[in-house]
Amino acid sequence: MKDEVLIEEKPTLAGIEVANVNPLGLTAFALTAFTMSMFTTGLLPESVSNVGLAMGYFFGGAGMLLAGVWAFFARSTFGATAYCSYGFYFLAYTYYTVEMEKDAANPDKTHVALGVFLLGWTIFTICMTIISYRTFRALFIMFVFLTFDYFFNMVGAWADSTSATKAGGWFGLMAAATALYCAMSIVVTDTWKEEVLPLGHYKA
């Protein structure tokens, strides 16, 4: 069924059915977004922000890329596009954040450039949000939160507004919580063979 493509299809290699990759991709996104959003909301001090960089490189970046490549084998166009794209986003964002610190003498250039970068991701996320409407409701809600996350972070960077950036951080936390809910729902359903945590599948 069309509404089950994202979470139900499992690739088969050499006649062996392999595990569903979606919980890995969703968890990698959830925990990385949660960690980074803790700093943008101001709940954690910038003095310990390097933990967010580590998550961005290794779990959000590498973890989602691995999930995205595996989604190609599962013939999940949506999953492959989402996981690979946001995996590369985390790598690019983390790299640029490190480079910004080296270019602290030109704050106007760096924050506007970051705003342009996030504008592109805001547009992409809006597109993915519209497409996700026909997957399942929980994922659609996650993408709605993520759209607002990117939008407010884009405004915060471009206008150099701390309040807008904090607003984006709160939406990031909501997106992370929803993504983790989706991941755990899929794991529970696959393990217990019953849907304990409903996802709200789309019905044509």
N, C-alpha and C. Protein backbone atom coordinates (compact mmCIF):
# COMPACT_ATOMS: atom_id res chain seq x y z
N MET A 1 0.83 -1.20 0.00
CA MET A 1 0.00 0.00 0.00
C MET A 1 0.87 1.25 0.00
N LYS A 2 0.38 2.31 -0.66
CA LYS A 2 1.18 3.51 -0.78
C LYS A 2 1.54 4.11 0.56
N ASP A 3 0.60 4.08 1.51
CA ASP A 3 0.84 4.73 2.80
C ASP A 3 1.83 3.97 3.66
N GLU A 4 2.19 2.77 3.29
CA GLU A 4 3.09 1.96 4.11
C GLU A 4 4.48 1.85 3.51
N VAL A 5 4.72 2.56 2.39
CA VAL A 5 5.99 2.42 1.70
C VAL A 5 7.16 2.82 2.58
N LEU A 6 7.00 3.92 3.33
CA LEU A 6 8.12 4.44 4.10
C LEU A 6 8.57 3.50 5.20
N ILE A 7 7.65 2.79 5.85
CA ILE A 7 8.05 2.03 7.02
C ILE A 7 7.97 0.52 6.83
N GLU A 8 7.30 0.04 5.78
CA GLU A 8 7.08 -1.39 5.69
C GLU A 8 8.04 -2.12 4.75
N GLU A 9 8.50 -1.45 3.68
CA GLU A 9 9.34 -2.14 2.72
C GLU A 9 10.70 -2.48 3.31
N LYS A 10 11.11 -3.71 3.14
CA LYS A 10 12.41 -4.16 3.61
C LYS A 10 13.18 -4.75 2.44
N PRO A 11 14.43 -4.31 2.24
CA PRO A 11 15.19 -4.85 1.11
C PRO A 11 15.59 -6.30 1.34
N THR A 12 15.78 -7.02 0.26
CA THR A 12 16.20 -8.41 0.33
C THR A 12 17.51 -8.57 -0.43
N LEU A 13 18.54 -9.03 0.25
CA LEU A 13 19.83 -9.25 -0.36
C LEU A 13 20.17 -10.73 -0.26
N ALA A 14 20.48 -11.34 -1.41
CA ALA A 14 20.82 -12.77 -1.45
C ALA A 14 19.75 -13.62 -0.78
N GLY A 15 18.49 -13.20 -0.95
CA GLY A 15 17.38 -13.96 -0.40
C GLY A 15 17.14 -13.77 1.07
N ILE A 16 17.87 -12.83 1.72
CA ILE A 16 17.73 -12.60 3.16
C ILE A 16 17.03 -11.26 3.39
N GLU A 17 15.93 -11.28 4.11
CA GLU A 17 15.23 -10.05 4.45
C GLU A 17 15.98 -9.34 5.56
N VAL A 18 16.27 -8.06 5.36
CA VAL A 18 17.06 -7.31 6.34
C VAL A 18 16.16 -6.35 7.11
N ALA A 19 16.71 -5.75 8.16
CA ALA A 19 15.92 -4.91 9.07
C ALA A 19 15.44 -3.63 8.42
N ASN A 20 14.39 -3.08 9.01
CA ASN A 20 13.83 -1.80 8.58
C ASN A 20 14.79 -0.68 8.99
N VAL A 21 15.19 0.15 8.05
CA VAL A 21 16.21 1.17 8.32
C VAL A 21 15.62 2.46 8.88
N ASN A 22 14.31 2.64 8.77
CA ASN A 22 13.71 3.92 9.14
C ASN A 22 13.91 4.33 10.60
N PRO A 23 13.85 3.41 11.57
CA PRO A 23 14.11 3.83 12.95
C PRO A 23 15.51 4.42 13.14
N LEU A 24 16.50 3.88 12.42
CA LEU A 24 17.85 4.42 12.53
C LEU A 24 17.89 5.86 12.02
N GLY A 25 17.33 6.08 10.83
CA GLY A 25 17.35 7.43 10.27
C GLY A 25 16.59 8.42 11.13
N LEU A 26 15.43 8.02 11.62
CA LEU A 26 14.62 8.92 12.44
C LEU A 26 15.27 9.19 13.80
N THR A 27 15.89 8.17 14.39
CA THR A 27 16.56 8.36 15.68
C THR A 27 17.80 9.23 15.53
N ALA A 28 18.55 9.03 14.46
CA ALA A 28 19.73 9.86 14.21
C ALA A 28 19.32 11.32 14.08
N PHE A 29 18.22 11.56 13.37
CA PHE A 29 17.72 12.94 13.26
C PHE A 29 17.25 13.46 14.61
N ALA A 30 16.46 12.65 15.31
CA ALA A 30 15.85 13.09 16.56
C ALA A 30 16.89 13.49 17.61
N LEU A 31 17.86 12.63 17.84
CA LEU A 31 18.84 12.91 18.89
C LEU A 31 19.78 14.06 18.52
N THR A 32 20.11 14.16 17.24
CA THR A 32 20.98 15.27 16.81
C THR A 32 20.23 16.59 16.88
N ALA A 33 18.98 16.61 16.39
CA ALA A 33 18.18 17.83 16.46
C ALA A 33 17.93 18.23 17.90
N PHE A 34 17.69 17.25 18.77
CA PHE A 34 17.48 17.53 20.19
C PHE A 34 18.71 18.19 20.80
N THR A 35 19.88 17.61 20.54
CA THR A 35 21.12 18.14 21.11
C THR A 35 21.39 19.56 20.63
N MET A 36 21.27 19.78 19.31
CA MET A 36 21.55 21.11 18.77
C MET A 36 20.52 22.13 19.23
N SER A 37 19.26 21.72 19.34
CA SER A 37 18.20 22.64 19.74
C SER A 37 18.34 23.05 21.20
N MET A 38 18.96 22.21 22.01
CA MET A 38 19.19 22.59 23.40
C MET A 38 20.08 23.83 23.51
N PHE A 39 20.92 24.04 22.50
CA PHE A 39 21.78 25.23 22.50
C PHE A 39 21.08 26.43 21.89
N THR A 40 20.33 26.21 20.80
CA THR A 40 19.65 27.34 20.16
C THR A 40 18.53 27.90 21.04
N THR A 41 17.95 27.08 21.90
CA THR A 41 16.94 27.58 22.84
C THR A 41 17.57 28.27 24.04
N GLY A 42 18.86 28.06 24.24
CA GLY A 42 19.53 28.63 25.39
C GLY A 42 19.44 27.78 26.63
N LEU A 43 18.92 26.55 26.50
CA LEU A 43 18.81 25.66 27.67
C LEU A 43 20.17 25.12 28.10
N LEU A 44 21.11 25.07 27.17
CA LEU A 44 22.48 24.68 27.49
C LEU A 44 23.42 25.80 27.06
N PRO A 45 24.50 26.05 27.80
CA PRO A 45 25.42 27.13 27.46
C PRO A 45 26.30 26.80 26.25
N GLU A 46 26.69 27.83 25.52
CA GLU A 46 27.54 27.64 24.35
C GLU A 46 28.90 27.03 24.70
N SER A 47 29.29 27.12 25.97
CA SER A 47 30.60 26.61 26.39
C SER A 47 30.74 25.11 26.21
N VAL A 48 29.59 24.40 26.11
CA VAL A 48 29.65 22.94 25.92
C VAL A 48 29.05 22.54 24.57
N SER A 49 29.03 23.48 23.62
CA SER A 49 28.37 23.23 22.34
C SER A 49 29.11 22.24 21.45
N ASN A 50 30.34 21.90 21.80
CA ASN A 50 31.09 20.94 20.97
C ASN A 50 30.41 19.58 20.91
N VAL A 51 29.59 19.25 21.91
CA VAL A 51 28.88 17.97 21.88
C VAL A 51 27.88 17.97 20.71
N GLY A 52 27.33 19.13 20.39
CA GLY A 52 26.43 19.24 19.25
C GLY A 52 27.17 19.03 17.94
N LEU A 53 28.41 19.50 17.86
CA LEU A 53 29.21 19.30 16.66
C LEU A 53 29.53 17.82 16.46
N ALA A 54 29.83 17.13 17.56
CA ALA A 54 30.11 15.69 17.46
C ALA A 54 28.89 14.93 16.97
N MET A 55 27.71 15.28 17.49
CA MET A 55 26.47 14.65 17.03
C MET A 55 26.22 14.96 15.57
N GLY A 56 26.49 16.19 15.18
CA GLY A 56 26.26 16.59 13.79
C GLY A 56 27.11 15.82 12.81
N TYR A 57 28.35 15.57 13.17
CA TYR A 57 29.25 14.83 12.28
C TYR A 57 28.93 13.34 12.25
N PHE A 58 28.77 12.75 13.41
CA PHE A 58 28.78 11.29 13.48
C PHE A 58 27.40 10.62 13.49
N PHE A 59 26.41 11.20 14.16
CA PHE A 59 25.10 10.54 14.18
C PHE A 59 24.15 11.19 13.18
N GLY A 60 23.97 12.50 13.31
CA GLY A 60 23.10 13.19 12.36
C GLY A 60 23.63 13.12 10.95
N GLY A 61 24.94 13.28 10.79
CA GLY A 61 25.53 13.24 9.46
C GLY A 61 25.74 11.84 8.94
N ALA A 62 26.68 11.13 9.51
CA ALA A 62 27.03 9.79 9.04
C ALA A 62 25.87 8.81 9.22
N GLY A 63 25.18 8.88 10.36
CA GLY A 63 24.09 7.95 10.63
C GLY A 63 22.95 8.08 9.63
N MET A 64 22.56 9.31 9.32
CA MET A 64 21.47 9.50 8.38
C MET A 64 21.89 9.18 6.95
N LEU A 65 23.14 9.41 6.62
CA LEU A 65 23.62 9.03 5.29
C LEU A 65 23.57 7.52 5.10
N LEU A 66 23.98 6.78 6.12
CA LEU A 66 23.90 5.32 6.03
C LEU A 66 22.45 4.86 5.88
N ALA A 67 21.56 5.49 6.64
CA ALA A 67 20.14 5.15 6.52
C ALA A 67 19.61 5.49 5.14
N GLY A 68 20.04 6.61 4.60
CA GLY A 68 19.59 7.02 3.27
C GLY A 68 20.05 6.09 2.18
N VAL A 69 21.30 5.64 2.26
CA VAL A 69 21.82 4.69 1.26
C VAL A 69 21.04 3.38 1.34
N TRP A 70 20.76 2.94 2.58
CA TRP A 70 20.02 1.69 2.74
C TRP A 70 18.58 1.83 2.25
N ALA A 71 18.02 3.04 2.37
CA ALA A 71 16.65 3.28 1.88
C ALA A 71 16.56 3.11 0.37
N PHE A 72 17.67 3.35 -0.34
CA PHE A 72 17.68 3.11 -1.79
C PHE A 72 17.44 1.63 -2.07
N PHE A 73 18.08 0.75 -1.27
CA PHE A 73 17.88 -0.68 -1.45
C PHE A 73 16.44 -1.08 -1.13
N ALA A 74 15.82 -0.35 -0.20
CA ALA A 74 14.43 -0.63 0.17
C ALA A 74 13.45 -0.03 -0.84
N ARG A 75 13.96 0.63 -1.85
CA ARG A 75 13.15 1.26 -2.89
C ARG A 75 12.23 2.33 -2.31
N SER A 76 12.71 3.01 -1.28
CA SER A 76 11.94 4.09 -0.67
C SER A 76 12.52 5.42 -1.14
N THR A 77 11.94 5.99 -2.18
CA THR A 77 12.43 7.24 -2.75
C THR A 77 12.36 8.37 -1.72
N PHE A 78 11.24 8.43 -0.99
CA PHE A 78 11.07 9.47 0.02
C PHE A 78 12.12 9.32 1.12
N GLY A 79 12.26 8.10 1.64
CA GLY A 79 13.22 7.86 2.71
C GLY A 79 14.64 8.15 2.29
N ALA A 80 15.02 7.69 1.09
CA ALA A 80 16.38 7.92 0.61
C ALA A 80 16.66 9.41 0.45
N THR A 81 15.70 10.13 -0.11
CA THR A 81 15.88 11.57 -0.32
C THR A 81 15.98 12.31 1.01
N ALA A 82 15.08 11.98 1.94
CA ALA A 82 15.06 12.66 3.23
C ALA A 82 16.32 12.37 4.05
N TYR A 83 16.66 11.09 4.22
CA TYR A 83 17.79 10.74 5.07
C TYR A 83 19.11 11.26 4.51
N CYS A 84 19.34 11.06 3.22
CA CYS A 84 20.59 11.53 2.62
C CYS A 84 20.68 13.06 2.66
N SER A 85 19.58 13.73 2.32
CA SER A 85 19.60 15.20 2.29
C SER A 85 19.88 15.78 3.67
N TYR A 86 19.15 15.33 4.66
CA TYR A 86 19.36 15.89 6.00
C TYR A 86 20.65 15.39 6.64
N GLY A 87 21.13 14.23 6.21
CA GLY A 87 22.45 13.80 6.65
C GLY A 87 23.53 14.74 6.15
N PHE A 88 23.44 15.10 4.87
CA PHE A 88 24.39 16.07 4.32
C PHE A 88 24.20 17.45 4.95
N TYR A 89 22.95 17.77 5.30
CA TYR A 89 22.71 19.05 5.99
C TYR A 89 23.47 19.12 7.30
N PHE A 90 23.35 18.08 8.11
CA PHE A 90 24.03 18.09 9.40
C PHE A 90 25.55 18.21 9.23
N LEU A 91 26.09 17.52 8.24
CA LEU A 91 27.53 17.62 7.97
C LEU A 91 27.91 19.03 7.54
N ALA A 92 27.12 19.59 6.62
CA ALA A 92 27.42 20.93 6.11
C ALA A 92 27.25 21.99 7.19
N TYR A 93 26.17 21.89 7.97
CA TYR A 93 25.91 22.87 9.02
C TYR A 93 26.99 22.82 10.09
N THR A 94 27.37 21.61 10.47
CA THR A 94 28.41 21.46 11.49
C THR A 94 29.73 22.02 11.00
N TYR A 95 30.08 21.72 9.75
CA TYR A 95 31.33 22.23 9.18
C TYR A 95 31.32 23.75 9.13
N TYR A 96 30.19 24.34 8.69
CA TYR A 96 30.13 25.79 8.58
C TYR A 96 30.18 26.45 9.95
N THR A 97 29.57 25.81 10.94
CA THR A 97 29.61 26.36 12.30
C THR A 97 31.04 26.46 12.80
N VAL A 98 31.83 25.45 12.52
CA VAL A 98 33.24 25.46 12.91
C VAL A 98 33.98 26.56 12.15
N GLU A 99 33.70 26.69 10.86
CA GLU A 99 34.37 27.71 10.05
C GLU A 99 33.96 29.12 10.46
N MET A 100 32.72 29.30 10.93
CA MET A 100 32.26 30.62 11.38
C MET A 100 33.12 31.13 12.52
N GLU A 101 33.53 30.22 13.39
CA GLU A 101 34.35 30.63 14.53
C GLU A 101 35.71 31.17 14.07
N LYS A 102 36.17 30.67 12.93
CA LYS A 102 37.44 31.15 12.39
C LYS A 102 37.30 32.50 11.71
N ASP A 103 36.05 32.86 11.37
CA ASP A 103 35.80 34.11 10.64
C ASP A 103 35.03 35.09 11.51
N ALA A 104 35.32 35.09 12.80
CA ALA A 104 34.58 35.92 13.75
C ALA A 104 34.77 37.41 13.50
N ALA A 105 35.79 37.79 12.73
CA ALA A 105 36.04 39.20 12.45
C ALA A 105 35.05 39.76 11.44
N ASN A 106 34.27 38.90 10.77
CA ASN A 106 33.30 39.35 9.77
C ASN A 106 31.91 38.83 10.12
N PRO A 107 31.34 39.29 11.23
CA PRO A 107 30.05 38.75 11.68
C PRO A 107 28.91 38.99 10.70
N ASP A 108 28.91 40.15 10.01
CA ASP A 108 27.83 40.43 9.07
C ASP A 108 27.82 39.41 7.95
N LYS A 109 28.99 39.11 7.43
CA LYS A 109 29.09 38.14 6.33
C LYS A 109 28.65 36.76 6.77
N THR A 110 29.06 36.34 7.95
CA THR A 110 28.78 34.97 8.37
C THR A 110 27.31 34.75 8.68
N HIS A 111 26.66 35.68 9.37
CA HIS A 111 25.27 35.42 9.75
C HIS A 111 24.33 35.54 8.55
N VAL A 112 24.64 36.43 7.60
CA VAL A 112 23.81 36.52 6.39
C VAL A 112 24.00 35.28 5.53
N ALA A 113 25.24 34.81 5.42
CA ALA A 113 25.51 33.61 4.64
C ALA A 113 24.78 32.41 5.24
N LEU A 114 24.75 32.32 6.57
CA LEU A 114 24.02 31.24 7.23
C LEU A 114 22.53 31.36 6.96
N GLY A 115 22.03 32.59 6.91
CA GLY A 115 20.62 32.81 6.61
C GLY A 115 20.26 32.33 5.21
N VAL A 116 21.13 32.60 4.23
CA VAL A 116 20.91 32.14 2.86
C VAL A 116 20.92 30.61 2.82
N PHE A 117 21.87 30.01 3.53
CA PHE A 117 21.98 28.55 3.61
C PHE A 117 20.70 27.95 4.16
N LEU A 118 20.17 28.52 5.25
CA LEU A 118 18.97 27.99 5.89
C LEU A 118 17.71 28.28 5.07
N LEU A 119 17.74 29.33 4.25
CA LEU A 119 16.60 29.62 3.38
C LEU A 119 16.38 28.47 2.40
N GLY A 120 17.47 27.98 1.82
CA GLY A 120 17.36 26.85 0.90
C GLY A 120 16.78 25.63 1.59
N TRP A 121 17.21 25.37 2.81
CA TRP A 121 16.71 24.21 3.54
C TRP A 121 15.27 24.40 3.99
N THR A 122 14.87 25.64 4.22
CA THR A 122 13.47 25.92 4.55
C THR A 122 12.57 25.57 3.37
N ILE A 123 12.98 25.99 2.18
CA ILE A 123 12.20 25.71 0.97
C ILE A 123 12.12 24.20 0.73
N PHE A 124 13.27 23.52 0.85
CA PHE A 124 13.29 22.07 0.67
C PHE A 124 12.38 21.37 1.67
N THR A 125 12.41 21.81 2.92
CA THR A 125 11.61 21.18 3.97
C THR A 125 10.12 21.41 3.74
N ILE A 126 9.75 22.57 3.23
CA ILE A 126 8.35 22.81 2.89
C ILE A 126 7.89 21.80 1.85
N CYS A 127 8.72 21.57 0.83
CA CYS A 127 8.39 20.59 -0.20
C CYS A 127 8.23 19.19 0.40
N MET A 128 9.15 18.80 1.27
CA MET A 128 9.08 17.48 1.88
C MET A 128 7.88 17.36 2.82
N THR A 129 7.51 18.46 3.44
CA THR A 129 6.34 18.46 4.32
C THR A 129 5.07 18.15 3.53
N ILE A 130 4.93 18.81 2.39
CA ILE A 130 3.76 18.58 1.54
C ILE A 130 3.71 17.12 1.08
N ILE A 131 4.86 16.59 0.67
CA ILE A 131 4.93 15.21 0.19
C ILE A 131 4.63 14.23 1.33
N SER A 132 5.11 14.54 2.54
CA SER A 132 4.94 13.62 3.68
C SER A 132 3.49 13.47 4.11
N TYR A 133 2.62 14.33 3.62
CA TYR A 133 1.20 14.25 4.01
C TYR A 133 0.60 12.89 3.65
N ARG A 134 1.14 12.26 2.62
CA ARG A 134 0.60 10.96 2.19
C ARG A 134 1.43 9.79 2.71
N THR A 135 2.18 10.00 3.76
CA THR A 135 2.88 8.88 4.41
C THR A 135 2.09 8.49 5.66
N PHE A 136 2.34 9.17 6.77
CA PHE A 136 1.50 8.97 7.96
C PHE A 136 1.52 10.25 8.78
N ARG A 137 0.48 10.43 9.56
CA ARG A 137 0.23 11.72 10.23
C ARG A 137 1.37 12.15 11.16
N ALA A 138 1.92 11.21 11.92
CA ALA A 138 2.98 11.56 12.86
C ALA A 138 4.19 12.14 12.13
N LEU A 139 4.54 11.55 10.98
CA LEU A 139 5.68 12.06 10.21
C LEU A 139 5.35 13.42 9.63
N PHE A 140 4.13 13.62 9.17
CA PHE A 140 3.71 14.91 8.64
C PHE A 140 3.84 15.99 9.71
N ILE A 141 3.39 15.69 10.92
CA ILE A 141 3.50 16.64 12.03
C ILE A 141 4.96 16.97 12.31
N MET A 142 5.82 15.96 12.26
CA MET A 142 7.25 16.19 12.48
C MET A 142 7.80 17.18 11.45
N PHE A 143 7.41 17.00 10.19
CA PHE A 143 7.89 17.90 9.14
C PHE A 143 7.32 19.30 9.28
N VAL A 144 6.11 19.43 9.79
CA VAL A 144 5.56 20.76 10.05
C VAL A 144 6.41 21.48 11.10
N PHE A 145 6.71 20.78 12.20
CA PHE A 145 7.58 21.36 13.23
C PHE A 145 8.95 21.72 12.64
N LEU A 146 9.48 20.83 11.80
CA LEU A 146 10.80 21.06 11.22
C LEU A 146 10.80 22.26 10.28
N THR A 147 9.70 22.47 9.57
CA THR A 147 9.60 23.64 8.70
C THR A 147 9.70 24.92 9.51
N PHE A 148 8.96 24.98 10.62
CA PHE A 148 9.03 26.16 11.48
C PHE A 148 10.42 26.31 12.11
N ASP A 149 11.04 25.18 12.42
CA ASP A 149 12.41 25.20 12.96
C ASP A 149 13.35 25.88 11.99
N TYR A 150 13.34 25.43 10.73
CA TYR A 150 14.22 26.03 9.73
C TYR A 150 13.86 27.50 9.48
N PHE A 151 12.57 27.78 9.42
CA PHE A 151 12.14 29.15 9.12
C PHE A 151 12.64 30.13 10.18
N PHE A 152 12.40 29.82 11.45
CA PHE A 152 12.80 30.74 12.50
C PHE A 152 14.32 30.81 12.66
N ASN A 153 15.00 29.70 12.43
CA ASN A 153 16.46 29.75 12.47
C ASN A 153 17.02 30.55 11.31
N MET A 154 16.35 30.47 10.14
CA MET A 154 16.76 31.27 8.99
C MET A 154 16.58 32.76 9.29
N VAL A 155 15.42 33.12 9.84
CA VAL A 155 15.16 34.52 10.19
C VAL A 155 16.14 34.97 11.26
N GLY A 156 16.38 34.12 12.25
CA GLY A 156 17.30 34.46 13.31
C GLY A 156 18.70 34.72 12.82
N ALA A 157 19.16 33.90 11.87
CA ALA A 157 20.50 34.08 11.32
C ALA A 157 20.56 35.32 10.44
N TRP A 158 19.62 35.46 9.55
CA TRP A 158 19.63 36.56 8.58
C TRP A 158 19.50 37.92 9.28
N ALA A 159 18.55 37.99 10.23
CA ALA A 159 18.31 39.26 10.94
C ALA A 159 19.14 39.39 12.20
N ASP A 160 19.95 38.38 12.47
CA ASP A 160 20.77 38.36 13.68
C ASP A 160 19.88 38.54 14.92
N SER A 161 18.78 37.77 14.94
CA SER A 161 17.79 37.87 16.01
C SER A 161 17.87 36.66 16.93
N THR A 162 18.24 36.90 18.18
CA THR A 162 18.34 35.82 19.16
C THR A 162 16.97 35.22 19.47
N SER A 163 15.94 36.06 19.55
CA SER A 163 14.60 35.57 19.88
C SER A 163 14.06 34.65 18.80
N ALA A 164 14.30 34.98 17.52
CA ALA A 164 13.84 34.12 16.43
C ALA A 164 14.58 32.79 16.45
N THR A 165 15.88 32.84 16.72
CA THR A 165 16.67 31.62 16.80
C THR A 165 16.19 30.72 17.93
N LYS A 166 15.85 31.33 19.07
CA LYS A 166 15.33 30.54 20.20
C LYS A 166 13.99 29.90 19.85
N ALA A 167 13.14 30.64 19.12
CA ALA A 167 11.87 30.09 18.69
C ALA A 167 12.09 28.87 17.79
N GLY A 168 13.07 28.99 16.89
CA GLY A 168 13.41 27.86 16.03
C GLY A 168 13.89 26.68 16.84
N GLY A 169 14.63 26.94 17.89
CA GLY A 169 15.11 25.86 18.75
C GLY A 169 13.98 25.10 19.41
N TRP A 170 12.94 25.81 19.84
CA TRP A 170 11.80 25.13 20.48
C TRP A 170 11.06 24.26 19.48
N PHE A 171 10.92 24.76 18.25
CA PHE A 171 10.30 23.92 17.21
C PHE A 171 11.20 22.73 16.87
N GLY A 172 12.51 22.93 16.97
CA GLY A 172 13.44 21.83 16.75
C GLY A 172 13.27 20.74 17.79
N LEU A 173 13.03 21.13 19.04
CA LEU A 173 12.80 20.15 20.10
C LEU A 173 11.51 19.36 19.85
N MET A 174 10.48 20.06 19.36
CA MET A 174 9.21 19.38 19.06
C MET A 174 9.37 18.43 17.88
N ALA A 175 10.15 18.85 16.88
CA ALA A 175 10.41 17.96 15.73
C ALA A 175 11.19 16.73 16.18
N ALA A 176 12.16 16.94 17.06
CA ALA A 176 12.97 15.82 17.57
C ALA A 176 12.11 14.83 18.35
N ALA A 177 11.22 15.35 19.20
CA ALA A 177 10.35 14.48 19.99
C ALA A 177 9.42 13.67 19.08
N THR A 178 8.88 14.30 18.06
CA THR A 178 7.97 13.60 17.15
C THR A 178 8.71 12.56 16.33
N ALA A 179 9.93 12.88 15.90
CA ALA A 179 10.73 11.92 15.14
C ALA A 179 11.07 10.70 15.98
N LEU A 180 11.39 10.93 17.25
CA LEU A 180 11.69 9.80 18.14
C LEU A 180 10.45 8.94 18.37
N TYR A 181 9.30 9.59 18.47
CA TYR A 181 8.04 8.85 18.61
C TYR A 181 7.83 7.95 17.40
N CYS A 182 8.05 8.49 16.19
CA CYS A 182 7.90 7.69 14.97
C CYS A 182 8.86 6.51 14.97
N ALA A 183 10.11 6.77 15.35
CA ALA A 183 11.11 5.70 15.36
C ALA A 183 10.73 4.59 16.34
N MET A 184 10.34 4.96 17.54
CA MET A 184 10.00 3.97 18.54
C MET A 184 8.73 3.21 18.18
N SER A 185 7.78 3.88 17.53
CA SER A 185 6.57 3.22 17.07
C SER A 185 6.90 2.11 16.07
N ILE A 186 7.81 2.39 15.15
CA ILE A 186 8.18 1.40 14.15
C ILE A 186 8.91 0.23 14.80
N VAL A 187 9.81 0.52 15.75
CA VAL A 187 10.56 -0.54 16.44
C VAL A 187 9.61 -1.42 17.25
N VAL A 188 8.67 -0.80 17.97
CA VAL A 188 7.72 -1.57 18.77
C VAL A 188 6.83 -2.42 17.87
N THR A 189 6.36 -1.84 16.77
CA THR A 189 5.49 -2.59 15.86
C THR A 189 6.23 -3.78 15.27
N ASP A 190 7.49 -3.58 14.88
CA ASP A 190 8.28 -4.65 14.29
C ASP A 190 8.62 -5.73 15.32
N THR A 191 8.83 -5.32 16.58
CA THR A 191 9.24 -6.26 17.63
C THR A 191 8.06 -6.99 18.25
N TRP A 192 7.01 -6.24 18.55
CA TRP A 192 5.84 -6.82 19.22
C TRP A 192 4.78 -7.31 18.24
N LYS A 193 4.95 -6.99 16.96
CA LYS A 193 4.02 -7.41 15.91
C LYS A 193 2.62 -6.83 16.09
N GLU A 194 2.56 -5.67 16.71
CA GLU A 194 1.30 -4.93 16.82
C GLU A 194 1.60 -3.45 17.00
N GLU A 195 0.71 -2.62 16.47
CA GLU A 195 0.93 -1.18 16.53
C GLU A 195 0.44 -0.63 17.86
N VAL A 196 1.37 -0.47 18.79
CA VAL A 196 1.05 0.06 20.12
C VAL A 196 1.01 1.59 20.09
N LEU A 197 1.95 2.17 19.37
CA LEU A 197 2.02 3.62 19.23
C LEU A 197 1.53 3.99 17.82
N PRO A 198 0.31 4.45 17.68
CA PRO A 198 -0.24 4.70 16.36
C PRO A 198 0.48 5.82 15.61
N LEU A 199 0.64 5.63 14.31
CA LEU A 199 1.29 6.62 13.46
C LEU A 199 0.30 7.41 12.62
N GLY A 200 -0.90 6.87 12.43
CA GLY A 200 -1.91 7.57 11.64
C GLY A 200 -1.64 7.45 10.15
N HIS A 201 -1.66 6.25 9.62
CA HIS A 201 -1.39 6.04 8.20
C HIS A 201 -2.36 6.79 7.31
N TYR A 202 -1.85 7.30 6.21
CA TYR A 202 -2.70 7.98 5.23
C TYR A 202 -3.60 6.99 4.54
N LYS A 203 -4.87 7.35 4.39
CA LYS A 203 -5.82 6.49 3.68
C LYS A 203 -6.39 7.25 2.51
N ALA A 204 -6.18 6.72 1.30
CA ALA A 204 -6.64 7.41 0.09
C ALA A 204 -8.17 7.43 0.04
